[in-house]
């Protein structure tokens, strides 16, 4: 069986580094807004206060967008990433990361889920051990039209 699955090849950044950036950006933006308000009162400031105010507001909006890119993966889980609906890879590295927030992600479990079926069933029953270790035979009863 051939699959088209491949590892995610996009840019990934350490999540803690980006967390530092996300904390720093609003501080810079608020400082910029404060400075632009102070510069509006100066007579020869020109267009500098307006430009500083616009850049600061864009920094705040950018910070909100960046917040959507954080990704934390635990062992035996993966994230399937899509770029506007097109499959772009499976992210399987365990840890705290940041990827482009415009990638869509869906969490997938990699845990093996095996069905333990008893092959030598005697009249429909399955042997199980109870809390004391005694082998007990269980039987499944299905209700429905006969």
Protein backbone atom coordinates (compact mmCIF):
# COMPACT_ATOMS: atom_id res chain seq x y z
CA UNK A 1 0.00 0.00 0.00
CA UNK A 2 1.52 3.29 -1.08
CA UNK A 3 0.82 6.50 0.81
CA UNK A 4 1.45 10.10 -0.14
CA UNK A 5 2.38 11.05 3.41
CA UNK A 6 5.54 13.13 3.98
CA UNK A 7 7.09 15.20 6.76
CA UNK A 8 6.23 18.87 7.12
CA UNK A 9 8.88 20.95 5.31
CA UNK A 10 7.74 24.44 6.30
CA UNK A 11 9.56 26.85 8.59
CA UNK A 12 9.40 25.90 12.26
CA UNK A 13 10.72 28.03 15.10
CA UNK A 14 11.27 27.16 18.75
CA UNK A 15 8.04 27.96 20.57
CA UNK A 16 9.76 29.57 23.54
CA UNK A 17 11.66 31.97 21.28
CA UNK A 18 8.43 33.01 19.60
CA UNK A 19 6.75 33.35 22.99
CA UNK A 20 9.47 35.86 23.91
CA UNK A 21 8.79 37.71 20.63
CA UNK A 22 5.04 37.72 21.28
CA UNK A 23 5.63 39.26 24.72
CA UNK A 24 8.09 41.82 23.31
CA UNK A 25 5.99 43.00 20.31
CA UNK A 26 3.03 44.44 22.27
CA UNK A 27 5.43 46.22 24.61
CA UNK A 28 7.13 47.85 21.62
CA UNK A 29 3.77 48.67 20.04
CA UNK A 30 2.43 50.34 23.19
CA UNK A 31 5.68 52.28 23.55
CA UNK A 32 5.32 53.39 19.90
CA UNK A 33 1.74 54.54 20.43
CA UNK A 34 2.82 56.48 23.52
CA UNK A 35 5.70 58.13 21.64
CA UNK A 36 3.48 59.02 18.69
CA UNK A 37 1.02 60.75 21.05
CA UNK A 38 3.90 62.74 22.52
CA UNK A 39 5.19 63.62 19.03
CA UNK A 40 1.77 64.89 17.89
CA UNK A 41 2.21 67.81 20.32
CA UNK A 42 5.56 68.85 18.81
CA UNK A 43 5.27 71.65 16.21
CA UNK A 44 7.87 70.38 13.66
CA UNK A 45 7.26 66.62 13.92
CA UNK A 46 5.97 66.25 10.36
CA UNK A 47 4.62 62.81 9.38
CA UNK A 48 6.69 60.89 11.95
CA UNK A 49 3.91 60.60 14.59
CA UNK A 50 1.42 59.30 12.04
CA UNK A 51 3.86 56.74 10.65
CA UNK A 52 4.84 55.62 14.16
CA UNK A 53 1.19 55.24 15.15
CA UNK A 54 0.37 53.16 12.04
CA UNK A 55 3.42 50.91 12.52
CA UNK A 56 2.54 50.40 16.19
CA UNK A 57 -1.04 49.43 15.38
CA UNK A 58 0.22 47.02 12.71
CA UNK A 59 2.55 45.47 15.31
CA UNK A 60 -0.42 44.83 17.59
CA UNK A 61 -2.39 43.22 14.77
CA UNK A 62 0.66 41.15 13.78
CA UNK A 63 1.02 39.95 17.36
CA UNK A 64 -2.55 38.66 17.32
CA UNK A 65 -1.88 36.81 14.08
CA UNK A 66 1.37 35.30 15.40
CA UNK A 67 -0.48 33.87 18.40
CA UNK A 68 -2.28 31.42 16.09
CA UNK A 69 0.92 29.62 15.09
CA UNK A 70 1.84 27.95 18.39
CA UNK A 71 1.87 24.19 18.28
CA UNK A 72 2.50 21.71 21.08
CA UNK A 73 2.89 18.01 20.34
CA UNK A 74 2.96 15.23 22.88
CA UNK A 75 4.47 11.78 22.29
CA UNK A 76 2.48 9.54 19.94
CA UNK A 77 0.64 12.46 18.34
CA UNK A 78 1.10 14.30 15.07
CA UNK A 79 -0.41 17.28 13.28
CA UNK A 80 -1.52 17.11 9.68
CA UNK A 81 -0.82 20.51 8.13
CA UNK A 82 -2.69 22.04 5.24
CA UNK A 83 -2.01 25.24 3.34
CA UNK A 84 -5.46 26.61 2.46
CA UNK A 85 -6.85 23.09 2.13
CA UNK A 86 -3.91 21.47 0.29
CA UNK A 87 -1.95 18.82 2.23
CA UNK A 88 1.51 20.15 3.08
CA UNK A 89 2.89 17.45 5.37
CA UNK A 90 2.67 15.73 8.72
CA UNK A 91 4.37 17.38 11.70
CA UNK A 92 5.59 14.67 14.10
CA UNK A 93 8.33 16.29 16.23
CA UNK A 94 7.45 16.27 19.92
CA UNK A 95 7.72 19.61 21.70
CA UNK A 96 6.64 23.26 21.60
CA UNK A 97 6.97 24.93 18.19
CA UNK A 98 5.70 27.82 16.13
CA UNK A 99 4.71 27.45 12.49
CA UNK A 100 3.12 29.89 10.07
CA UNK A 101 -0.33 30.63 11.54
CA UNK A 102 -1.98 30.33 8.12
CA UNK A 103 -1.29 26.58 8.05
CA UNK A 104 -4.32 24.62 9.13
CA UNK A 105 -3.58 21.77 11.52
CA UNK A 106 -5.49 18.73 12.65
CA UNK A 107 -4.36 16.61 15.58
CA UNK A 108 -3.87 12.91 14.86
CA UNK A 109 -3.06 10.10 17.31
CA UNK A 110 -0.24 7.73 16.37
CA UNK A 111 -1.08 5.24 19.11
CA UNK A 112 -1.36 1.64 17.98
CA UNK A 113 -4.91 0.46 18.42
CA UNK A 114 -4.87 -3.29 18.09
CA UNK A 115 -7.93 -5.42 18.55
CA UNK A 116 -7.16 -8.31 20.87
CA UNK A 117 -9.42 -10.96 19.40
CA UNK A 118 -9.34 -14.45 20.85
CA UNK A 119 -9.02 -16.91 17.98
CA UNK A 120 -9.99 -20.13 19.81
CA UNK A 121 -13.46 -19.09 20.93
CA UNK A 122 -15.50 -21.78 22.57
CA UNK A 123 -19.16 -21.27 21.73
CA UNK A 124 -18.80 -17.49 21.28
CA UNK A 125 -17.06 -16.75 24.60
CA UNK A 126 -13.75 -14.97 25.16
CA UNK A 127 -11.46 -15.87 28.09
CA UNK A 128 -10.55 -12.93 30.35
CA UNK A 129 -8.89 -12.67 33.75
CA UNK A 130 -10.82 -11.04 36.57
CA UNK A 131 -9.30 -8.97 39.39
CA UNK A 132 -7.99 -12.05 41.22
CA UNK A 133 -6.37 -13.65 38.15
CA UNK A 134 -9.01 -16.33 37.67
CA UNK A 135 -9.82 -17.03 34.04
CA UNK A 136 -13.41 -16.10 33.30
CA UNK A 137 -15.19 -16.73 30.03
CA UNK A 138 -17.29 -13.86 28.77
CA UNK A 139 -19.92 -14.12 26.10
CA UNK A 140 -21.32 -11.39 23.91
CA UNK A 141 -25.10 -11.28 23.45
CA UNK A 142 -26.51 -9.25 20.59
CA UNK A 143 -30.10 -8.12 20.65
CA UNK A 144 -32.03 -7.46 17.53
CA UNK A 145 -34.35 -9.09 15.09
CA UNK A 146 -33.76 -12.80 14.76
